[in-house]
Amino acid sequence: MAYARGQILHVQFEHIDEPKLMLVVSNNMRNQKLGSVLAVRLTTTRKPRLPSIVDLGDASESVHGHIVCDDIVEVYDDEVLTVRTSLSPTTMSRVDSALAAALALPPPGDVAP
């Protein structure tokens, strides 16, 4: 099954006892062609204020906590238990900025000289 960018997946990793929530950040064309997605972790554990971490505390989303864009992993189709929800375009824009910070890329919308 092809998962879409912005979806939150409930994932069971082989090496971790409890299922984890993961946000799909890879592009949809990639997701359709391969049997995996690139995803970042959601956590309710308190995190420091960093440009690479999105705080969902004030967001109008159905999930709460933090999106840790420093922690990018490949998630295979057979590890996905369910699709929980999708994030809004506004929150995904914040994720784009956090991914750029995590990877030392120019912020989205900036044009490099």
PDB file of N, CA and C in Angstrom:
ATOM      1  N   MET A   1       0.846  -1.187   0.000  1.00  0.00           N
ATOM      2  CA  MET A   1       0.000   0.000   0.000  1.00  0.00           C
ATOM      3  C   MET A   1       0.883   1.239   0.000  1.00  0.00           C
ATOM      4  N   ALA A   2       0.501   2.240  -0.760  1.00  0.00           N
ATOM      5  CA  ALA A   2       1.258   3.492  -0.785  1.00  0.00           C
ATOM      6  C   ALA A   2       0.699   4.435   0.277  1.00  0.00           C
ATOM      7  N   TYR A   3       1.573   4.914   1.112  1.00  0.00           N
ATOM      8  CA  TYR A   3       1.189   5.872   2.144  1.00  0.00           C
ATOM      9  C   TYR A   3       1.525   7.268   1.658  1.00  0.00           C
ATOM     10  N   ALA A   4       0.798   8.259   2.145  1.00  0.00           N
ATOM     11  CA  ALA A   4       0.947   9.631   1.670  1.00  0.00           C
ATOM     12  C   ALA A   4       1.714  10.491   2.666  1.00  0.00           C
ATOM     13  N   ARG A   5       2.445  11.450   2.117  1.00  0.00           N
ATOM     14  CA  ARG A   5       3.162  12.409   2.939  1.00  0.00           C
ATOM     15  C   ARG A   5       2.152  13.123   3.840  1.00  0.00           C
ATOM     16  N   GLY A   6       2.495  13.246   5.112  1.00  0.00           N
ATOM     17  CA  GLY A   6       1.606  13.895   6.071  1.00  0.00           C
ATOM     18  C   GLY A   6       0.765  12.931   6.889  1.00  0.00           C
ATOM     19  N   GLN A   7       0.721  11.660   6.492  1.00  0.00           N
ATOM     20  CA  GLN A   7      -0.025  10.672   7.274  1.00  0.00           C
ATOM     21  C   GLN A   7       0.776  10.256   8.503  1.00  0.00           C
ATOM     22  N   ILE A   8       0.048  10.013   9.590  1.00  0.00           N
ATOM     23  CA  ILE A   8       0.666   9.474  10.799  1.00  0.00           C
ATOM     24  C   ILE A   8       0.344   7.990  10.846  1.00  0.00           C
ATOM     25  N   LEU A   9       1.397   7.200  10.906  1.00  0.00           N
ATOM     26  CA  LEU A   9       1.271   5.746  10.899  1.00  0.00           C
ATOM     27  C   LEU A   9       1.543   5.178  12.284  1.00  0.00           C
ATOM     28  N   HIS A  10       0.816   4.142  12.636  1.00  0.00           N
ATOM     29  CA  HIS A  10       1.091   3.363  13.845  1.00  0.00           C
ATOM     30  C   HIS A  10       1.972   2.211  13.378  1.00  0.00           C
ATOM     31  N   VAL A  11       3.219   2.183  13.851  1.00  0.00           N
ATOM     32  CA  VAL A  11       4.238   1.285  13.307  1.00  0.00           C
ATOM     33  C   VAL A  11       4.774   0.351  14.385  1.00  0.00           C
ATOM     34  N   GLN A  12       4.931  -0.915  14.022  1.00  0.00           N
ATOM     35  CA  GLN A  12       5.563  -1.893  14.913  1.00  0.00           C
ATOM     36  C   GLN A  12       6.927  -2.239  14.341  1.00  0.00           C
ATOM     37  N   PHE A  13       7.978  -1.709  14.980  1.00  0.00           N
ATOM     38  CA  PHE A  13       9.341  -2.043  14.575  1.00  0.00           C
ATOM     39  C   PHE A  13       9.745  -3.351  15.237  1.00  0.00           C
ATOM     40  N   GLU A  14      10.515  -4.141  14.536  1.00  0.00           N
ATOM     41  CA  GLU A  14      10.941  -5.456  15.029  1.00  0.00           C
ATOM     42  C   GLU A  14      11.735  -5.358  16.331  1.00  0.00           C
ATOM     43  N   HIS A  15      12.566  -4.355  16.467  1.00  0.00           N
ATOM     44  CA  HIS A  15      13.478  -4.237  17.606  1.00  0.00           C
ATOM     45  C   HIS A  15      12.917  -3.431  18.780  1.00  0.00           C
ATOM     46  N   ILE A  16      11.639  -2.981  18.695  1.00  0.00           N
ATOM     47  CA  ILE A  16      11.026  -2.179  19.757  1.00  0.00           C
ATOM     48  C   ILE A  16       9.737  -2.862  20.188  1.00  0.00           C
ATOM     49  N   ASP A  17       9.533  -2.982  21.508  1.00  0.00           N
ATOM     50  CA  ASP A  17       8.360  -3.689  22.025  1.00  0.00           C
ATOM     51  C   ASP A  17       7.038  -3.003  21.685  1.00  0.00           C
ATOM     52  N   GLU A  18       6.955  -1.703  21.936  1.00  0.00           N
ATOM     53  CA  GLU A  18       5.695  -0.974  21.764  1.00  0.00           C
ATOM     54  C   GLU A  18       5.610  -0.337  20.379  1.00  0.00           C
ATOM     55  N   PRO A  19       4.427  -0.340  19.761  1.00  0.00           N
ATOM     56  CA  PRO A  19       4.259   0.373  18.493  1.00  0.00           C
ATOM     57  C   PRO A  19       4.525   1.872  18.679  1.00  0.00           C
ATOM     58  N   LYS A  20       4.973   2.521  17.614  1.00  0.00           N
ATOM     59  CA  LYS A  20       5.311   3.943  17.641  1.00  0.00           C
ATOM     60  C   LYS A  20       4.503   4.691  16.590  1.00  0.00           C
ATOM     61  N   LEU A  21       4.268   5.978  16.851  1.00  0.00           N
ATOM     62  CA  LEU A  21       3.639   6.840  15.861  1.00  0.00           C
ATOM     63  C   LEU A  21       4.731   7.499  15.033  1.00  0.00           C
ATOM     64  N   MET A  22       4.574   7.431  13.712  1.00  0.00           N
ATOM     65  CA  MET A  22       5.567   7.972  12.788  1.00  0.00           C
ATOM     66  C   MET A  22       4.848   8.816  11.736  1.00  0.00           C
ATOM     67  N   LEU A  23       5.447   9.950  11.385  1.00  0.00           N
ATOM     68  CA  LEU A  23       4.902  10.849  10.370  1.00  0.00           C
ATOM     69  C   LEU A  23       5.633  10.633   9.051  1.00  0.00           C
ATOM     70  N   VAL A  24       4.884  10.383   7.991  1.00  0.00           N
ATOM     71  CA  VAL A  24       5.477  10.200   6.664  1.00  0.00           C
ATOM     72  C   VAL A  24       5.949  11.559   6.145  1.00  0.00           C
ATOM     73  N   VAL A  25       7.247  11.643   5.787  1.00  0.00           N
ATOM     74  CA  VAL A  25       7.811  12.891   5.263  1.00  0.00           C
ATOM     75  C   VAL A  25       8.335  12.746   3.836  1.00  0.00           C
ATOM     76  N   SER A  26       8.444  11.536   3.330  1.00  0.00           N
ATOM     77  CA  SER A  26       8.922  11.347   1.953  1.00  0.00           C
ATOM     78  C   SER A  26       7.820  11.730   0.965  1.00  0.00           C
ATOM     79  N   ASN A  27       8.245  12.040  -0.267  1.00  0.00           N
ATOM     80  CA  ASN A  27       7.274  12.500  -1.263  1.00  0.00           C
ATOM     81  C   ASN A  27       6.428  11.341  -1.794  1.00  0.00           C
ATOM     82  N   ASN A  28       5.245  11.690  -2.261  1.00  0.00           N
ATOM     83  CA  ASN A  28       4.272  10.673  -2.653  1.00  0.00           C
ATOM     84  C   ASN A  28       4.714   9.831  -3.846  1.00  0.00           C
ATOM     85  N   MET A  29       5.457  10.413  -4.789  1.00  0.00           N
ATOM     86  CA  MET A  29       5.926   9.625  -5.928  1.00  0.00           C
ATOM     87  C   MET A  29       6.858   8.519  -5.449  1.00  0.00           C
ATOM     88  N   ARG A  30       7.775   8.862  -4.551  1.00  0.00           N
ATOM     89  CA  ARG A  30       8.680   7.867  -3.976  1.00  0.00           C
ATOM     90  C   ARG A  30       7.875   6.795  -3.257  1.00  0.00           C
ATOM     91  N   ASN A  31       6.906   7.230  -2.462  1.00  0.00           N
ATOM     92  CA  ASN A  31       6.110   6.304  -1.660  1.00  0.00           C
ATOM     93  C   ASN A  31       5.341   5.307  -2.531  1.00  0.00           C
ATOM     94  N   GLN A  32       4.900   5.755  -3.708  1.00  0.00           N
ATOM     95  CA  GLN A  32       4.154   4.876  -4.614  1.00  0.00           C
ATOM     96  C   GLN A  32       5.045   3.852  -5.305  1.00  0.00           C
ATOM     97  N   LYS A  33       6.293   4.212  -5.548  1.00  0.00           N
ATOM     98  CA  LYS A  33       7.194   3.351  -6.319  1.00  0.00           C
ATOM     99  C   LYS A  33       7.958   2.342  -5.464  1.00  0.00           C
ATOM    100  N   LEU A  34       8.154   2.650  -4.187  1.00  0.00           N
ATOM    101  CA  LEU A  34       8.940   1.783  -3.306  1.00  0.00           C
ATOM    102  C   LEU A  34       8.043   1.165  -2.239  1.00  0.00           C
ATOM    103  N   GLY A  35       8.495   0.131  -1.609  1.00  0.00           N
ATOM    104  CA  GLY A  35       7.720  -0.540  -0.560  1.00  0.00           C
ATOM    105  C   GLY A  35       7.999   0.007   0.824  1.00  0.00           C
ATOM    106  N   SER A  36       8.347   1.304   0.864  1.00  0.00           N
ATOM    107  CA  SER A  36       8.658   1.925   2.153  1.00  0.00           C
ATOM    108  C   SER A  36       8.427   3.423   2.063  1.00  0.00           C
ATOM    109  N   VAL A  37       8.462   4.069   3.230  1.00  0.00           N
ATOM    110  CA  VAL A  37       8.400   5.532   3.315  1.00  0.00           C
ATOM    111  C   VAL A  37       9.514   5.999   4.239  1.00  0.00           C
ATOM    112  N   LEU A  38       9.848   7.272   4.144  1.00  0.00           N
ATOM    113  CA  LEU A  38      10.724   7.892   5.129  1.00  0.00           C
ATOM    114  C   LEU A  38       9.823   8.606   6.116  1.00  0.00           C
ATOM    115  N   ALA A  39      10.111   8.424   7.393  1.00  0.00           N
ATOM    116  CA  ALA A  39       9.227   8.956   8.427  1.00  0.00           C
ATOM    117  C   ALA A  39      10.034   9.487   9.605  1.00  0.00           C
ATOM    118  N   VAL A  40       9.394  10.383  10.351  1.00  0.00           N
ATOM    119  CA  VAL A  40       9.991  10.920  11.573  1.00  0.00           C
ATOM    120  C   VAL A  40       9.094  10.563  12.749  1.00  0.00           C
ATOM    121  N   ARG A  41       9.690  10.558  13.916  1.00  0.00           N
ATOM    122  CA  ARG A  41       9.045  10.066  15.127  1.00  0.00           C
ATOM    123  C   ARG A  41       8.186  11.141  15.796  1.00  0.00           C
ATOM    124  N   LEU A  42       7.049  10.712  16.315  1.00  0.00           N
ATOM    125  CA  LEU A  42       6.239  11.535  17.207  1.00  0.00           C
ATOM    126  C   LEU A  42       6.439  11.024  18.614  1.00  0.00           C
ATOM    127  N   THR A  43       6.520  11.939  19.567  1.00  0.00           N
ATOM    128  CA  THR A  43       6.709  11.541  20.954  1.00  0.00           C
ATOM    129  C   THR A  43       5.966  12.495  21.876  1.00  0.00           C
ATOM    130  N   THR A  44       5.552  11.988  23.017  1.00  0.00           N
ATOM    131  CA  THR A  44       4.960  12.843  24.045  1.00  0.00           C
ATOM    132  C   THR A  44       5.983  13.198  25.116  1.00  0.00           C
ATOM    133  N   THR A  45       7.189  12.664  24.991  1.00  0.00           N
ATOM    134  CA  THR A  45       8.266  12.998  25.919  1.00  0.00           C
ATOM    135  C   THR A  45       8.681  14.447  25.695  1.00  0.00           C
ATOM    136  N   ARG A  46       8.899  15.178  26.781  1.00  0.00           N
ATOM    137  CA  ARG A  46       9.327  16.578  26.665  1.00  0.00           C
ATOM    138  C   ARG A  46      10.637  16.659  25.890  1.00  0.00           C
ATOM    139  N   LYS A  47      10.722  17.633  25.008  1.00  0.00           N
ATOM    140  CA  LYS A  47      11.904  17.829  24.175  1.00  0.00           C
ATOM    141  C   LYS A  47      12.362  19.281  24.285  1.00  0.00           C
ATOM    142  N   PRO A  48      13.666  19.520  24.085  1.00  0.00           N
ATOM    143  CA  PRO A  48      14.150  20.900  24.109  1.00  0.00           C
ATOM    144  C   PRO A  48      13.615  21.671  22.904  1.00  0.00           C
ATOM    145  N   ARG A  49      13.588  22.978  23.040  1.00  0.00           N
ATOM    146  CA  ARG A  49      13.179  23.824  21.912  1.00  0.00           C
ATOM    147  C   ARG A  49      14.336  23.888  20.926  1.00  0.00           C
ATOM    148  N   LEU A  50      14.163  23.211  19.821  1.00  0.00           N
ATOM    149  CA  LEU A  50      15.158  23.203  18.751  1.00  0.00           C
ATOM    150  C   LEU A  50      14.438  23.447  17.425  1.00  0.00           C
ATOM    151  N   PRO A  51      15.108  24.045  16.453  1.00  0.00           N
ATOM    152  CA  PRO A  51      14.465  24.263  15.153  1.00  0.00           C
ATOM    153  C   PRO A  51      14.054  22.968  14.455  1.00  0.00           C
ATOM    154  N   SER A  52      14.656  21.858  14.835  1.00  0.00           N
ATOM    155  CA  SER A  52      14.364  20.570  14.191  1.00  0.00           C
ATOM    156  C   SER A  52      13.249  19.780  14.880  1.00  0.00           C
ATOM    157  N   ILE A  53      12.643  20.362  15.911  1.00  0.00           N
ATOM    158  CA  ILE A  53      11.562  19.684  16.643  1.00  0.00           C
ATOM    159  C   ILE A  53      10.305  20.546  16.587  1.00  0.00           C
ATOM    160  N   VAL A  54       9.201  19.965  16.124  1.00  0.00           N
ATOM    161  CA  VAL A  54       7.929  20.675  16.021  1.00  0.00           C
ATOM    162  C   VAL A  54       7.086  20.343  17.243  1.00  0.00           C
ATOM    163  N   ASP A  55       6.701  21.373  17.979  1.00  0.00           N
ATOM    164  CA  ASP A  55       5.839  21.215  19.154  1.00  0.00           C
ATOM    165  C   ASP A  55       4.384  21.292  18.692  1.00  0.00           C
ATOM    166  N   LEU A  56       3.626  20.247  18.956  1.00  0.00           N
ATOM    167  CA  LEU A  56       2.214  20.216  18.565  1.00  0.00           C
ATOM    168  C   LEU A  56       1.298  20.717  19.670  1.00  0.00           C
ATOM    169  N   GLY A  57       1.868  21.251  20.749  1.00  0.00           N
ATOM    170  CA  GLY A  57       1.078  21.684  21.895  1.00  0.00           C
ATOM    171  C   GLY A  57       0.034  22.723  21.565  1.00  0.00           C
ATOM    172  N   ASP A  58       0.353  23.643  20.654  1.00  0.00           N
ATOM    173  CA  ASP A  58      -0.597  24.696  20.317  1.00  0.00           C
ATOM    174  C   ASP A  58      -1.264  24.471  18.958  1.00  0.00           C
ATOM    175  N   ALA A  59      -1.012  23.351  18.361  1.00  0.00           N
ATOM    176  CA  ALA A  59      -1.588  23.056  17.044  1.00  0.00           C
ATOM    177  C   ALA A  59      -2.993  22.481  17.189  1.00  0.00           C
ATOM    178  N   SER A  60      -3.784  22.690  16.180  1.00  0.00           N
ATOM    179  CA  SER A  60      -5.144  22.141  16.193  1.00  0.00           C
ATOM    180  C   SER A  60      -5.159  20.803  15.463  1.00  0.00           C
ATOM    181  N   GLU A  61      -4.357  19.882  15.955  1.00  0.00           N
ATOM    182  CA  GLU A  61      -4.245  18.552  15.365  1.00  0.00           C
ATOM    183  C   GLU A  61      -4.865  17.524  16.306  1.00  0.00           C
ATOM    184  N   SER A  62      -5.119  16.339  15.778  1.00  0.00           N
ATOM    185  CA  SER A  62      -5.713  15.278  16.599  1.00  0.00           C
ATOM    186  C   SER A  62      -4.663  14.494  17.379  1.00  0.00           C
ATOM    187  N   VAL A  63      -3.396  14.850  17.223  1.00  0.00           N
ATOM    188  CA  VAL A  63      -2.310  14.243  17.996  1.00  0.00           C
ATOM    189  C   VAL A  63      -1.587  15.348  18.752  1.00  0.00           C
ATOM    190  N   HIS A  64      -0.918  14.965  19.827  1.00  0.00           N
ATOM    191  CA  HIS A  64      -0.206  15.935  20.655  1.00  0.00           C
ATOM    192  C   HIS A  64       1.212  15.449  20.871  1.00  0.00           C
ATOM    193  N   GLY A  65       2.066  16.363  21.273  1.00  0.00           N
ATOM    194  CA  GLY A  65       3.444  16.007  21.567  1.00  0.00           C
ATOM    195  C   GLY A  65       4.402  16.755  20.673  1.00  0.00           C
ATOM    196  N   HIS A  66       5.428  16.051  20.214  1.00  0.00           N
ATOM    197  CA  HIS A  66       6.497  16.657  19.424  1.00  0.00           C
ATOM    198  C   HIS A  66       6.815  15.769  18.226  1.00  0.00           C
ATOM    199  N   ILE A  67       7.161  16.416  17.126  1.00  0.00           N
ATOM    200  CA  ILE A  67       7.640  15.711  15.939  1.00  0.00           C
ATOM    201  C   ILE A  67       9.143  15.928  15.896  1.00  0.00           C
ATOM    202  N   VAL A  68       9.892  14.848  16.001  1.00  0.00           N
ATOM    203  CA  VAL A  68      11.353  14.919  16.082  1.00  0.00           C
ATOM    204  C   VAL A  68      11.925  14.686  14.680  1.00  0.00           C
ATOM    205  N   CYS A  69      12.229  15.773  13.989  1.00  0.00           N
ATOM    206  CA  CYS A  69      12.686  15.671  12.601  1.00  0.00           C
ATOM    207  C   CYS A  69      14.156  15.293  12.479  1.00  0.00           C
ATOM    208  N   ASP A  70      14.864  15.181  13.600  1.00  0.00           N
ATOM    209  CA  ASP A  70      16.243  14.685  13.593  1.00  0.00           C
ATOM    210  C   ASP A  70      16.290  13.171  13.442  1.00  0.00           C
ATOM    211  N   ASP A  71      15.166  12.511  13.672  1.00  0.00           N
ATOM    212  CA  ASP A  71      15.095  11.050  13.736  1.00  0.00           C
ATOM    213  C   ASP A  71      14.335  10.531  12.515  1.00  0.00           C
ATOM    214  N   ILE A  72      15.028  10.439  11.380  1.00  0.00           N
ATOM    215  CA  ILE A  72      14.415  10.006  10.121  1.00  0.00           C
ATOM    216  C   ILE A  72      14.719   8.523   9.914  1.00  0.00           C
ATOM    217  N   VAL A  73      13.667   7.734   9.707  1.00  0.00           N
ATOM    218  CA  VAL A  73      13.850   6.294   9.520  1.00  0.00           C
ATOM    219  C   VAL A  73      13.046   5.817   8.310  1.00  0.00           C
ATOM    220  N   GLU A  74      13.453   4.678   7.786  1.00  0.00           N
ATOM    221  CA  GLU A  74      12.704   4.030   6.716  1.00  0.00           C
ATOM    222  C   GLU A  74      11.705   3.078   7.357  1.00  0.00           C
ATOM    223  N   VAL A  75      10.447   3.204   6.953  1.00  0.00           N
ATOM    224  CA  VAL A  75       9.377   2.342   7.453  1.00  0.00           C
ATOM    225  C   VAL A  75       8.870   1.518   6.277  1.00  0.00           C
ATOM    226  N   TYR A  76       8.885   0.206   6.435  1.00  0.00           N
ATOM    227  CA  TYR A  76       8.430  -0.708   5.385  1.00  0.00           C
ATOM    228  C   TYR A  76       6.945  -1.007   5.558  1.00  0.00           C
ATOM    229  N   ASP A  77       6.289  -1.299   4.446  1.00  0.00           N
ATOM    230  CA  ASP A  77       4.849  -1.545   4.456  1.00  0.00           C
ATOM    231  C   ASP A  77       4.435  -2.590   5.485  1.00  0.00           C
ATOM    232  N   ASP A  78       5.227  -3.640   5.649  1.00  0.00           N
ATOM    233  CA  ASP A  78       4.839  -4.711   6.576  1.00  0.00           C
ATOM    234  C   ASP A  78       5.010  -4.329   8.046  1.00  0.00           C
ATOM    235  N   GLU A  79       5.569  -3.165   8.331  1.00  0.00           N
ATOM    236  CA  GLU A  79       5.702  -2.688   9.712  1.00  0.00           C
ATOM    237  C   GLU A  79       4.524  -1.810  10.134  1.00  0.00           C
ATOM    238  N   VAL A  80       3.713  -1.378   9.170  1.00  0.00           N
ATOM    239  CA  VAL A  80       2.608  -0.459   9.449  1.00  0.00           C
ATOM    240  C   VAL A  80       1.399  -1.234   9.946  1.00  0.00           C
ATOM    241  N   LEU A  81       0.916  -0.850  11.127  1.00  0.00           N
ATOM    242  CA  LEU A  81      -0.290  -1.463  11.683  1.00  0.00           C
ATOM    243  C   LEU A  81      -1.538  -0.758  11.160  1.00  0.00           C
ATOM    244  N   THR A  82      -1.556   0.581  11.248  1.00  0.00           N
ATOM    245  CA  THR A  82      -2.699   1.374  10.795  1.00  0.00           C
ATOM    246  C   THR A  82      -2.241   2.779  10.426  1.00  0.00           C
ATOM    247  N   VAL A  83      -3.113   3.457   9.675  1.00  0.00           N
ATOM    248  CA  VAL A  83      -2.964   4.895   9.461  1.00  0.00           C
ATOM    249  C   VAL A  83      -3.840   5.560  10.508  1.00  0.00           C
ATOM    250  N   ARG A  84      -3.250   6.406  11.342  1.00  0.00           N
ATOM    251  CA  ARG A  84      -4.006   7.029  12.434  1.00  0.00           C
ATOM    252  C   ARG A  84      -4.746   8.283  11.991  1.00  0.00           C
ATOM    253  N   THR A  85      -4.058   9.182  11.295  1.00  0.00           N
ATOM    254  CA  THR A  85      -4.636  10.458  10.875  1.00  0.00           C
ATOM    255  C   THR A  85      -3.670  11.111   9.909  1.00  0.00           C
ATOM    256  N   SER A  86      -3.978  12.319   9.488  1.00  0.00           N
ATOM    257  CA  SER A  86      -3.065  13.120   8.670  1.00  0.00           C
ATOM    258  C   SER A  86      -2.937  14.495   9.300  1.00  0.00           C
ATOM    259  N   LEU A  87      -1.788  15.130   9.104  1.00  0.00           N
ATOM    260  CA  LEU A  87      -1.571  16.472   9.628  1.00  0.00           C
ATOM    261  C   LEU A  87      -2.018  17.514   8.609  1.00  0.00           C
ATOM    262  N   SER A  88      -2.344  18.695   9.103  1.00  0.00           N
ATOM    263  CA  SER A  88      -2.788  19.797   8.253  1.00  0.00           C
ATOM    264  C   SER A  88      -1.627  20.342   7.422  1.00  0.00           C
ATOM    265  N   PRO A  89      -1.934  21.007   6.306  1.00  0.00           N
ATOM    266  CA  PRO A  89      -0.875  21.647   5.523  1.00  0.00           C
ATOM    267  C   PRO A  89      -0.067  22.663   6.339  1.00  0.00           C
ATOM    268  N   THR A  90      -0.716  23.361   7.253  1.00  0.00           N
ATOM    269  CA  THR A  90      -0.009  24.335   8.095  1.00  0.00           C
ATOM    270  C   THR A  90       1.039  23.647   8.954  1.00  0.00           C
ATOM    271  N   THR A  91       0.676  22.548   9.582  1.00  0.00           N
ATOM    272  CA  THR A  91       1.636  21.816  10.415  1.00  0.00           C
ATOM    273  C   THR A  91       2.721  21.189   9.553  1.00  0.00           C
ATOM    274  N   MET A  92       2.364  20.690   8.379  1.00  0.00           N
ATOM    275  CA  MET A  92       3.381  20.109   7.495  1.00  0.00           C
ATOM    276  C   MET A  92       4.376  21.165   7.026  1.00  0.00           C
ATOM    277  N   SER A  93       3.939  22.399   6.901  1.00  0.00           N
ATOM    278  CA  SER A  93       4.864  23.481   6.569  1.00  0.00           C
ATOM    279  C   SER A  93       5.885  23.671   7.691  1.00  0.00           C
ATOM    280  N   ARG A  94       5.426  23.551   8.928  1.00  0.00           N
ATOM    281  CA  ARG A  94       6.340  23.626  10.075  1.00  0.00           C
ATOM    282  C   ARG A  94       7.303  22.438  10.066  1.00  0.00           C
ATOM    283  N   VAL A  95       6.806  21.271   9.681  1.00  0.00           N
ATOM    284  CA  VAL A  95       7.659  20.080   9.565  1.00  0.00           C
ATOM    285  C   VAL A  95       8.710  20.300   8.477  1.00  0.00           C
ATOM    286  N   ASP A  96       8.320  20.898   7.355  1.00  0.00           N
ATOM    287  CA  ASP A  96       9.287  21.191   6.288  1.00  0.00           C
ATOM    288  C   ASP A  96      10.443  22.031   6.821  1.00  0.00           C
ATOM    289  N   SER A  97      10.121  23.062   7.594  1.00  0.00           N
ATOM    290  CA  SER A  97      11.163  23.921   8.168  1.00  0.00           C
ATOM    291  C   SER A  97      12.036  23.152   9.148  1.00  0.00           C
ATOM    292  N   ALA A  98      11.424  22.285   9.943  1.00  0.00           N
ATOM    293  CA  ALA A  98      12.180  21.489  10.917  1.00  0.00           C
ATOM    294  C   ALA A  98      13.091  20.482  10.215  1.00  0.00           C
ATOM    295  N   LEU A  99      12.616  19.888   9.128  1.00  0.00           N
ATOM    296  CA  LEU A  99      13.462  18.975   8.352  1.00  0.00           C
ATOM    297  C   LEU A  99      14.649  19.725   7.751  1.00  0.00           C
ATOM    298  N   ALA A 100      14.400  20.919   7.237  1.00  0.00           N
ATOM    299  CA  ALA A 100      15.489  21.730   6.684  1.00  0.00           C
ATOM    300  C   ALA A 100      16.529  22.023   7.763  1.00  0.00           C
ATOM    301  N   ALA A 101      16.079  22.337   8.973  1.00  0.00           N
ATOM    302  CA  ALA A 101      17.009  22.598  10.079  1.00  0.00           C
ATOM    303  C   ALA A 101      17.792  21.338  10.434  1.00  0.00           C
ATOM    304  N   ALA A 102      17.116  20.203  10.484  1.00  0.00           N
ATOM    305  CA  ALA A 102      17.781  18.946  10.851  1.00  0.00           C
ATOM    306  C   ALA A 102      18.853  18.557   9.838  1.00  0.00           C
ATOM    307  N   LEU A 103      18.615  18.881   8.571  1.00  0.00           N
ATOM    308  CA  LEU A 103      19.529  18.479   7.501  1.00  0.00           C
ATOM    309  C   LEU A 103      20.446  19.612   7.041  1.00  0.00           C
ATOM    310  N   ALA A 104      20.408  20.742   7.747  1.00  0.00           N
ATOM    311  CA  ALA A 104      21.229  21.915   7.410  1.00  0.00           C
ATOM    312  C   ALA A 104      20.981  22.383   5.975  1.00  0.00           C
ATOM    313  N   LEU A 105      19.710  22.404   5.581  1.00  0.00           N
ATOM    314  CA  LEU A 105      19.306  22.888   4.264  1.00  0.00           C
ATOM    315  C   LEU A 105      18.742  24.295   4.409  1.00  0.00           C
ATOM    316  N   PRO A 106      18.706  25.073   3.325  1.00  0.00           N
ATOM    317  CA  PRO A 106      18.055  26.380   3.416  1.00  0.00           C
ATOM    318  C   PRO A 106      16.582  26.191   3.770  1.00  0.00           C
ATOM    319  N   PRO A 107      15.999  27.122   4.518  1.00  0.00           N
ATOM    320  CA  PRO A 107      14.572  27.001   4.843  1.00  0.00           C
ATOM    321  C   PRO A 107      13.732  26.919   3.569  1.00  0.00           C
ATOM    322  N   PRO A 108      12.600  26.208   3.618  1.00  0.00           N
ATOM    323  CA  PRO A 108      11.736  26.111   2.442  1.00  0.00           C
ATOM    324  C   PRO A 108      11.369  27.506   1.940  1.00  0.00           C
ATOM    325  N   GLY A 109      11.432  27.683   0.638  1.00  0.00           N
ATOM    326  CA  GLY A 109      11.105  28.978   0.052  1.00  0.00           C
ATOM    327  C   GLY A 109      12.311  29.866  -0.174  1.00  0.00           C
ATOM    328  N   ASP A 110      13.420  29.620   0.528  1.00  0.00           N
ATOM    329  CA  ASP A 110      14.642  30.396   0.318  1.00  0.00           C
ATOM    330  C   ASP A 110      15.326  29.906  -0.950  1.00  0.00           C
ATOM    331  N   VAL A 111      15.829  30.829  -1.708  1.00  0.00           N
ATOM    332  CA  VAL A 111      16.555  30.480  -2.926  1.00  0.00           C
ATOM    333  C   VAL A 111      18.034  30.684  -2.658  1.00  0.00           C
ATOM    334  N   ALA A 112      18.804  29.641  -2.846  1.00  0.00           N
ATOM    335  CA  ALA A 112      20.252  29.735  -2.625  1.00  0.00           C
ATOM    336  C   ALA A 112      20.871  30.594  -3.721  1.00  0.00           C
ATOM    337  N   PRO A 113      21.873  31.417  -3.384  1.00  0.00           N
ATOM    338  CA  PRO A 113      22.513  32.266  -4.401  1.00  0.00           C
ATOM    339  C   PRO A 113      23.313  31.448  -5.395  1.00  0.00           C
TER     340      PRO A 113
END
